[in-house]
């Protein structure tokens, strides 16, 4: 199993650096692939990230980002959920807000209203392998 992550939300969009958490069984294969693909992140960037990790900066920033995402999620919940006809908020405390509808027709009608207002959302089934048929609202970086 692999876990992929990025530092773009925590540190900066411009950083373009991520990480992989891998089981010992996959490390040899990952090193082989890395040898073929090369090292896309400069050594100086890697060392700077390592220093931020070691110094606790990333941990503190992670807490701040999680608080901000929770506030954004609450705004979405407070503003959008009252508009849902025949829908309920899926349990969860992450940054995304998943709303499940009683029927595909209700979901599609609400999605159309959102698109007309310039609001994009994703279908739960297209984002996760074991996804339902709801709509997912999230956040993008502002320009």
N, C-alpha and C. Protein backbone atom coordinates (compact mmCIF):
# COMPACT_ATOMS: atom_id res chain seq x y z
N UNK A 1 0.84 -1.17 0.00
CA UNK A 1 0.00 0.00 0.00
C UNK A 1 0.89 1.24 0.00
N UNK A 2 0.47 2.24 -0.77
CA UNK A 2 1.19 3.51 -0.84
C UNK A 2 0.27 4.64 -0.40
N UNK A 3 0.83 5.60 0.26
CA UNK A 3 0.11 6.82 0.57
C UNK A 3 0.87 7.96 -0.08
N UNK A 4 0.17 8.72 -0.92
CA UNK A 4 0.78 9.87 -1.59
C UNK A 4 0.28 11.14 -0.95
N UNK A 5 1.13 12.11 -0.83
CA UNK A 5 0.73 13.39 -0.27
C UNK A 5 1.49 14.52 -0.92
N UNK A 6 1.08 15.73 -0.60
CA UNK A 6 1.73 16.90 -1.16
C UNK A 6 1.91 17.95 -0.07
N UNK A 7 2.88 18.79 -0.26
CA UNK A 7 3.11 19.90 0.67
C UNK A 7 2.45 21.18 0.16
N UNK A 8 1.76 21.12 -0.97
CA UNK A 8 1.22 22.34 -1.58
C UNK A 8 0.21 23.04 -0.68
N UNK A 9 -0.67 22.30 -0.01
CA UNK A 9 -1.64 22.94 0.86
C UNK A 9 -0.98 23.43 2.14
N UNK A 10 -0.04 22.66 2.65
CA UNK A 10 0.58 23.01 3.92
C UNK A 10 1.60 24.13 3.82
N UNK A 11 2.36 24.15 2.75
CA UNK A 11 3.46 25.11 2.65
C UNK A 11 3.23 26.13 1.54
N UNK A 12 3.15 25.67 0.30
CA UNK A 12 2.98 26.59 -0.82
C UNK A 12 2.63 25.83 -2.08
N UNK A 13 1.72 26.38 -2.89
CA UNK A 13 1.38 25.76 -4.18
C UNK A 13 2.59 25.69 -5.08
N UNK A 14 3.44 26.71 -5.01
CA UNK A 14 4.60 26.80 -5.89
C UNK A 14 5.67 25.76 -5.57
N UNK A 15 5.58 25.14 -4.42
CA UNK A 15 6.60 24.19 -3.99
C UNK A 15 6.68 22.96 -4.90
N UNK A 16 5.55 22.46 -5.34
CA UNK A 16 5.49 21.30 -6.24
C UNK A 16 6.31 20.12 -5.73
N UNK A 17 6.13 19.81 -4.46
CA UNK A 17 6.84 18.67 -3.87
C UNK A 17 5.84 17.85 -3.07
N UNK A 18 5.99 16.56 -3.15
CA UNK A 18 5.11 15.66 -2.42
C UNK A 18 5.90 14.60 -1.70
N UNK A 19 5.20 13.61 -1.22
CA UNK A 19 5.87 12.53 -0.51
C UNK A 19 5.11 11.23 -0.72
N UNK A 20 5.80 10.15 -0.45
CA UNK A 20 5.22 8.81 -0.54
C UNK A 20 5.52 8.10 0.77
N UNK A 21 4.50 7.51 1.36
CA UNK A 21 4.69 6.64 2.52
C UNK A 21 4.45 5.23 2.00
N UNK A 22 5.47 4.40 2.07
CA UNK A 22 5.40 3.07 1.47
C UNK A 22 5.77 1.99 2.46
N UNK A 23 5.24 0.81 2.22
CA UNK A 23 5.60 -0.33 3.05
C UNK A 23 7.01 -0.79 2.67
N UNK A 24 7.70 -1.45 3.57
CA UNK A 24 9.05 -1.94 3.26
C UNK A 24 9.08 -2.82 2.00
N UNK A 25 8.00 -3.53 1.75
CA UNK A 25 7.95 -4.42 0.59
C UNK A 25 7.98 -3.68 -0.74
N UNK A 26 7.59 -2.40 -0.75
CA UNK A 26 7.53 -1.65 -2.01
C UNK A 26 8.71 -0.71 -2.21
N UNK A 27 9.57 -0.56 -1.22
CA UNK A 27 10.66 0.41 -1.30
C UNK A 27 11.61 0.13 -2.46
N UNK A 28 12.00 -1.12 -2.65
CA UNK A 28 12.94 -1.45 -3.73
C UNK A 28 12.37 -1.06 -5.09
N UNK A 29 11.11 -1.37 -5.31
CA UNK A 29 10.47 -1.04 -6.59
C UNK A 29 10.36 0.48 -6.76
N UNK A 30 10.03 1.19 -5.69
CA UNK A 30 9.95 2.65 -5.76
C UNK A 30 11.30 3.26 -6.11
N UNK A 31 12.37 2.74 -5.52
CA UNK A 31 13.71 3.24 -5.83
C UNK A 31 14.05 2.98 -7.30
N UNK A 32 13.63 1.84 -7.80
CA UNK A 32 13.86 1.51 -9.21
C UNK A 32 13.14 2.49 -10.13
N UNK A 33 11.88 2.76 -9.82
CA UNK A 33 11.10 3.72 -10.62
C UNK A 33 11.70 5.11 -10.51
N UNK A 34 12.10 5.51 -9.31
CA UNK A 34 12.72 6.83 -9.11
C UNK A 34 14.00 6.93 -9.92
N UNK A 35 14.76 5.84 -10.01
CA UNK A 35 15.98 5.84 -10.82
C UNK A 35 15.70 6.06 -12.29
N UNK A 36 14.59 5.54 -12.76
CA UNK A 36 14.20 5.72 -14.17
C UNK A 36 13.68 7.13 -14.41
N UNK A 37 12.84 7.62 -13.51
CA UNK A 37 12.21 8.92 -13.70
C UNK A 37 13.10 10.10 -13.33
N UNK A 38 14.09 9.85 -12.52
CA UNK A 38 14.95 10.94 -12.07
C UNK A 38 14.41 11.57 -10.80
N UNK A 39 15.03 12.66 -10.40
CA UNK A 39 14.66 13.35 -9.17
C UNK A 39 14.06 14.70 -9.55
N UNK A 40 12.71 14.79 -9.61
CA UNK A 40 12.09 16.03 -10.08
C UNK A 40 12.15 17.19 -9.09
N UNK A 41 12.44 16.92 -7.83
CA UNK A 41 12.49 17.98 -6.83
C UNK A 41 13.96 18.23 -6.47
N UNK A 42 14.36 19.48 -6.57
CA UNK A 42 15.75 19.85 -6.31
C UNK A 42 16.17 19.48 -4.89
N UNK A 43 17.43 19.14 -4.74
CA UNK A 43 17.98 18.77 -3.43
C UNK A 43 17.79 19.89 -2.42
N UNK A 44 17.98 21.14 -2.84
CA UNK A 44 17.83 22.26 -1.91
C UNK A 44 16.39 22.33 -1.39
N UNK A 45 15.41 22.04 -2.25
CA UNK A 45 14.01 22.03 -1.83
C UNK A 45 13.77 20.91 -0.83
N UNK A 46 14.32 19.73 -1.13
CA UNK A 46 14.15 18.60 -0.22
C UNK A 46 14.76 18.90 1.15
N UNK A 47 15.93 19.52 1.15
CA UNK A 47 16.58 19.84 2.43
C UNK A 47 15.80 20.90 3.21
N UNK A 48 15.23 21.86 2.48
CA UNK A 48 14.43 22.89 3.14
C UNK A 48 13.19 22.26 3.79
N UNK A 49 12.53 21.35 3.07
CA UNK A 49 11.36 20.67 3.63
C UNK A 49 11.76 19.84 4.84
N UNK A 50 12.88 19.12 4.74
CA UNK A 50 13.36 18.31 5.87
C UNK A 50 13.61 19.20 7.09
N UNK A 51 14.17 20.37 6.87
CA UNK A 51 14.43 21.29 7.97
C UNK A 51 13.11 21.77 8.60
N UNK A 52 12.13 22.08 7.76
CA UNK A 52 10.82 22.51 8.27
C UNK A 52 10.14 21.38 9.05
N UNK A 53 10.27 20.16 8.56
CA UNK A 53 9.71 19.01 9.27
C UNK A 53 10.39 18.83 10.62
N UNK A 54 11.71 18.87 10.61
CA UNK A 54 12.49 18.66 11.83
C UNK A 54 12.22 19.76 12.86
N UNK A 55 12.08 20.99 12.41
CA UNK A 55 11.89 22.12 13.31
C UNK A 55 10.47 22.29 13.82
N UNK A 56 9.53 21.46 13.35
CA UNK A 56 8.15 21.54 13.83
C UNK A 56 7.29 22.54 13.09
N UNK A 57 7.85 23.23 12.10
CA UNK A 57 7.09 24.23 11.35
C UNK A 57 5.91 23.58 10.63
N UNK A 58 6.16 22.42 10.01
CA UNK A 58 5.09 21.75 9.27
C UNK A 58 3.97 21.31 10.22
N UNK A 59 4.33 20.80 11.38
CA UNK A 59 3.31 20.36 12.35
C UNK A 59 2.43 21.54 12.78
N UNK A 60 3.06 22.67 13.09
CA UNK A 60 2.28 23.85 13.49
C UNK A 60 1.42 24.35 12.34
N UNK A 61 2.00 24.37 11.15
CA UNK A 61 1.24 24.84 10.00
C UNK A 61 0.10 23.88 9.67
N UNK A 62 0.32 22.58 9.86
CA UNK A 62 -0.72 21.59 9.62
C UNK A 62 -1.93 21.87 10.50
N UNK A 63 -1.68 22.15 11.76
CA UNK A 63 -2.79 22.47 12.67
C UNK A 63 -3.56 23.70 12.19
N UNK A 64 -2.83 24.73 11.78
CA UNK A 64 -3.48 25.96 11.31
C UNK A 64 -4.29 25.70 10.04
N UNK A 65 -3.73 24.92 9.12
CA UNK A 65 -4.44 24.60 7.87
C UNK A 65 -5.69 23.78 8.19
N UNK A 66 -5.58 22.82 9.09
CA UNK A 66 -6.76 22.01 9.46
C UNK A 66 -7.86 22.88 10.06
N UNK A 67 -7.47 23.85 10.90
CA UNK A 67 -8.47 24.77 11.46
C UNK A 67 -9.15 25.57 10.36
N UNK A 68 -8.35 26.09 9.43
CA UNK A 68 -8.91 26.88 8.32
C UNK A 68 -9.84 26.03 7.46
N UNK A 69 -9.44 24.80 7.17
CA UNK A 69 -10.28 23.91 6.36
C UNK A 69 -11.57 23.57 7.09
N UNK A 70 -11.50 23.38 8.39
CA UNK A 70 -12.71 23.09 9.17
C UNK A 70 -13.66 24.29 9.12
N UNK A 71 -13.11 25.50 9.18
CA UNK A 71 -13.96 26.69 9.09
C UNK A 71 -14.60 26.79 7.71
N UNK A 72 -13.83 26.51 6.66
CA UNK A 72 -14.39 26.54 5.30
C UNK A 72 -15.48 25.50 5.15
N UNK A 73 -15.24 24.31 5.70
CA UNK A 73 -16.24 23.25 5.62
C UNK A 73 -17.52 23.70 6.33
N UNK A 74 -17.37 24.36 7.46
CA UNK A 74 -18.54 24.83 8.21
C UNK A 74 -19.32 25.87 7.40
N UNK A 75 -18.61 26.75 6.70
CA UNK A 75 -19.29 27.74 5.85
C UNK A 75 -20.08 27.04 4.76
N UNK A 76 -19.45 26.06 4.10
CA UNK A 76 -20.18 25.30 3.08
C UNK A 76 -21.40 24.63 3.68
N UNK A 77 -21.22 24.03 4.83
CA UNK A 77 -22.33 23.33 5.47
C UNK A 77 -23.45 24.31 5.83
N UNK A 78 -23.11 25.45 6.39
CA UNK A 78 -24.12 26.42 6.81
C UNK A 78 -24.84 27.06 5.62
N UNK A 79 -24.11 27.27 4.52
CA UNK A 79 -24.69 27.97 3.37
C UNK A 79 -25.38 27.04 2.38
N UNK A 80 -24.84 25.84 2.20
CA UNK A 80 -25.38 24.96 1.17
C UNK A 80 -26.41 23.96 1.67
N UNK A 81 -26.18 23.39 2.83
CA UNK A 81 -27.08 22.34 3.32
C UNK A 81 -28.54 22.81 3.40
N UNK A 82 -28.82 24.03 3.86
CA UNK A 82 -30.22 24.46 3.89
C UNK A 82 -30.88 24.50 2.51
N UNK A 83 -30.08 24.55 1.44
CA UNK A 83 -30.64 24.60 0.09
C UNK A 83 -31.01 23.23 -0.45
N UNK A 84 -30.56 22.18 0.20
CA UNK A 84 -30.77 20.83 -0.33
C UNK A 84 -32.18 20.36 -0.07
N UNK A 85 -32.84 19.98 -1.13
CA UNK A 85 -34.13 19.32 -1.00
C UNK A 85 -33.86 17.82 -1.02
N UNK A 86 -34.42 17.12 -0.07
CA UNK A 86 -34.32 15.66 -0.10
C UNK A 86 -32.87 15.18 -0.05
N UNK A 87 -32.07 15.77 0.82
CA UNK A 87 -30.65 15.41 0.89
C UNK A 87 -30.18 15.41 2.33
N UNK A 88 -29.05 14.76 2.55
CA UNK A 88 -28.46 14.79 3.90
C UNK A 88 -26.95 14.87 3.78
N UNK A 89 -26.35 15.43 4.79
CA UNK A 89 -24.90 15.57 4.85
C UNK A 89 -24.30 14.25 5.30
N UNK A 90 -23.33 13.76 4.54
CA UNK A 90 -22.65 12.52 4.92
C UNK A 90 -21.76 12.79 6.12
N UNK A 91 -21.62 11.81 7.01
CA UNK A 91 -20.75 12.02 8.18
C UNK A 91 -19.30 12.23 7.75
N UNK A 92 -18.58 12.98 8.53
CA UNK A 92 -17.17 13.20 8.24
C UNK A 92 -16.72 14.53 8.80
N UNK A 93 -15.42 14.65 8.97
CA UNK A 93 -14.90 15.90 9.51
C UNK A 93 -13.73 16.41 8.68
N UNK A 94 -13.59 15.90 7.47
CA UNK A 94 -12.51 16.34 6.60
C UNK A 94 -12.84 17.66 5.93
N UNK A 95 -12.00 18.05 5.01
CA UNK A 95 -12.18 19.31 4.32
C UNK A 95 -13.34 19.25 3.33
N UNK A 96 -13.60 18.08 2.80
CA UNK A 96 -14.67 17.95 1.82
C UNK A 96 -16.02 17.82 2.51
N UNK A 97 -17.04 18.25 1.79
CA UNK A 97 -18.41 18.13 2.27
C UNK A 97 -19.13 17.24 1.27
N UNK A 98 -19.63 16.10 1.72
CA UNK A 98 -20.32 15.17 0.83
C UNK A 98 -21.80 15.19 1.18
N UNK A 99 -22.62 15.44 0.17
CA UNK A 99 -24.06 15.48 0.35
C UNK A 99 -24.68 14.35 -0.45
N UNK A 100 -25.50 13.56 0.23
CA UNK A 100 -26.16 12.44 -0.43
C UNK A 100 -27.63 12.77 -0.61
N UNK A 101 -28.16 12.37 -1.75
CA UNK A 101 -29.54 12.68 -2.11
C UNK A 101 -30.39 11.41 -2.11
N UNK A 102 -31.69 11.60 -1.97
CA UNK A 102 -32.59 10.44 -1.94
C UNK A 102 -32.77 9.83 -3.33
N UNK A 103 -32.48 10.62 -4.36
CA UNK A 103 -32.62 10.08 -5.72
C UNK A 103 -31.62 10.77 -6.64
N UNK A 104 -31.31 10.10 -7.72
CA UNK A 104 -30.40 10.67 -8.72
C UNK A 104 -31.03 11.93 -9.33
N UNK A 105 -32.33 11.92 -9.51
CA UNK A 105 -33.04 13.07 -10.08
C UNK A 105 -32.85 14.31 -9.19
N UNK A 106 -32.99 14.13 -7.87
CA UNK A 106 -32.80 15.25 -6.94
C UNK A 106 -31.36 15.75 -6.99
N UNK A 107 -30.42 14.81 -7.06
CA UNK A 107 -29.01 15.19 -7.14
C UNK A 107 -28.73 15.97 -8.41
N UNK A 108 -29.20 15.46 -9.55
CA UNK A 108 -28.95 16.12 -10.83
C UNK A 108 -29.59 17.50 -10.89
N UNK A 109 -30.78 17.64 -10.32
CA UNK A 109 -31.45 18.94 -10.31
C UNK A 109 -30.65 19.95 -9.48
N UNK A 110 -30.15 19.50 -8.34
CA UNK A 110 -29.36 20.41 -7.50
C UNK A 110 -28.04 20.75 -8.17
N UNK A 111 -27.42 19.77 -8.80
CA UNK A 111 -26.16 20.02 -9.49
C UNK A 111 -26.36 21.05 -10.61
N UNK A 112 -27.46 20.96 -11.32
CA UNK A 112 -27.76 21.92 -12.38
C UNK A 112 -27.87 23.33 -11.79
N UNK A 113 -28.55 23.45 -10.65
CA UNK A 113 -28.67 24.76 -10.00
C UNK A 113 -27.30 25.31 -9.61
N UNK A 114 -26.44 24.45 -9.12
CA UNK A 114 -25.09 24.88 -8.75
C UNK A 114 -24.31 25.36 -9.96
N UNK A 115 -24.34 24.57 -11.03
CA UNK A 115 -23.59 24.93 -12.24
C UNK A 115 -24.08 26.25 -12.81
N UNK A 116 -25.39 26.48 -12.78
CA UNK A 116 -25.94 27.75 -13.26
C UNK A 116 -25.44 28.92 -12.41
N UNK A 117 -25.12 28.66 -11.16
CA UNK A 117 -24.59 29.70 -10.26
C UNK A 117 -23.07 29.78 -10.31
N UNK A 118 -22.44 28.95 -11.17
CA UNK A 118 -20.99 28.97 -11.30
C UNK A 118 -20.25 28.19 -10.23
N UNK A 119 -20.95 27.27 -9.57
CA UNK A 119 -20.33 26.46 -8.52
C UNK A 119 -20.12 25.04 -9.05
N UNK A 120 -18.88 24.57 -8.95
CA UNK A 120 -18.58 23.22 -9.41
C UNK A 120 -18.55 22.26 -8.23
N UNK A 121 -18.89 21.02 -8.51
CA UNK A 121 -18.80 19.97 -7.50
C UNK A 121 -18.44 18.68 -8.22
N UNK A 122 -18.08 17.68 -7.48
CA UNK A 122 -17.73 16.39 -8.07
C UNK A 122 -18.72 15.33 -7.66
N UNK A 123 -18.79 14.28 -8.45
CA UNK A 123 -19.63 13.14 -8.09
C UNK A 123 -18.81 12.21 -7.21
N UNK A 124 -19.39 11.83 -6.12
CA UNK A 124 -18.71 10.95 -5.17
C UNK A 124 -18.20 9.69 -5.86
N UNK A 125 -18.98 9.15 -6.76
CA UNK A 125 -18.60 7.89 -7.43
C UNK A 125 -17.39 8.05 -8.35
N UNK A 126 -17.13 9.27 -8.82
CA UNK A 126 -15.98 9.47 -9.71
C UNK A 126 -14.69 9.77 -8.94
N UNK A 127 -14.81 10.02 -7.65
CA UNK A 127 -13.65 10.38 -6.85
C UNK A 127 -13.08 9.22 -6.05
N UNK A 128 -13.91 8.29 -5.67
CA UNK A 128 -13.45 7.17 -4.84
C UNK A 128 -13.99 5.87 -5.40
N UNK A 129 -13.23 4.82 -5.20
CA UNK A 129 -13.65 3.51 -5.70
C UNK A 129 -14.91 3.04 -5.01
N UNK A 130 -15.00 3.29 -3.73
CA UNK A 130 -16.19 2.87 -3.00
C UNK A 130 -16.99 4.13 -2.66
N UNK A 131 -17.35 4.86 -3.70
CA UNK A 131 -18.08 6.09 -3.50
C UNK A 131 -19.57 5.88 -3.68
N UNK A 132 -20.34 6.72 -3.06
CA UNK A 132 -21.78 6.68 -3.23
C UNK A 132 -22.17 7.48 -4.46
N UNK A 133 -23.37 7.99 -4.44
CA UNK A 133 -23.86 8.73 -5.60
C UNK A 133 -24.13 10.19 -5.24
N UNK A 134 -23.46 10.69 -4.23
CA UNK A 134 -23.68 12.06 -3.79
C UNK A 134 -22.80 13.06 -4.52
N UNK A 135 -22.86 14.30 -4.06
CA UNK A 135 -22.03 15.37 -4.60
C UNK A 135 -20.98 15.74 -3.55
N UNK A 136 -19.80 16.08 -4.03
CA UNK A 136 -18.70 16.43 -3.13
C UNK A 136 -18.31 17.87 -3.39
N UNK A 137 -18.25 18.65 -2.32
CA UNK A 137 -17.82 20.04 -2.40
C UNK A 137 -16.49 20.15 -1.70
N UNK A 138 -15.59 20.88 -2.30
CA UNK A 138 -14.27 21.02 -1.70
C UNK A 138 -13.79 22.44 -1.91
N UNK A 139 -12.49 22.61 -1.89
CA UNK A 139 -11.91 23.94 -2.00
C UNK A 139 -10.79 23.93 -3.00
N UNK A 140 -10.58 25.06 -3.60
CA UNK A 140 -9.46 25.23 -4.53
C UNK A 140 -8.59 26.37 -4.00
N UNK A 141 -7.37 26.39 -4.47
CA UNK A 141 -6.50 27.52 -4.12
C UNK A 141 -7.00 28.75 -4.85
N UNK A 142 -7.00 29.87 -4.16
CA UNK A 142 -7.37 31.13 -4.81
C UNK A 142 -6.16 31.70 -5.52
N UNK A 143 -6.40 32.32 -6.66
CA UNK A 143 -5.30 32.93 -7.44
C UNK A 143 -4.95 34.28 -6.87
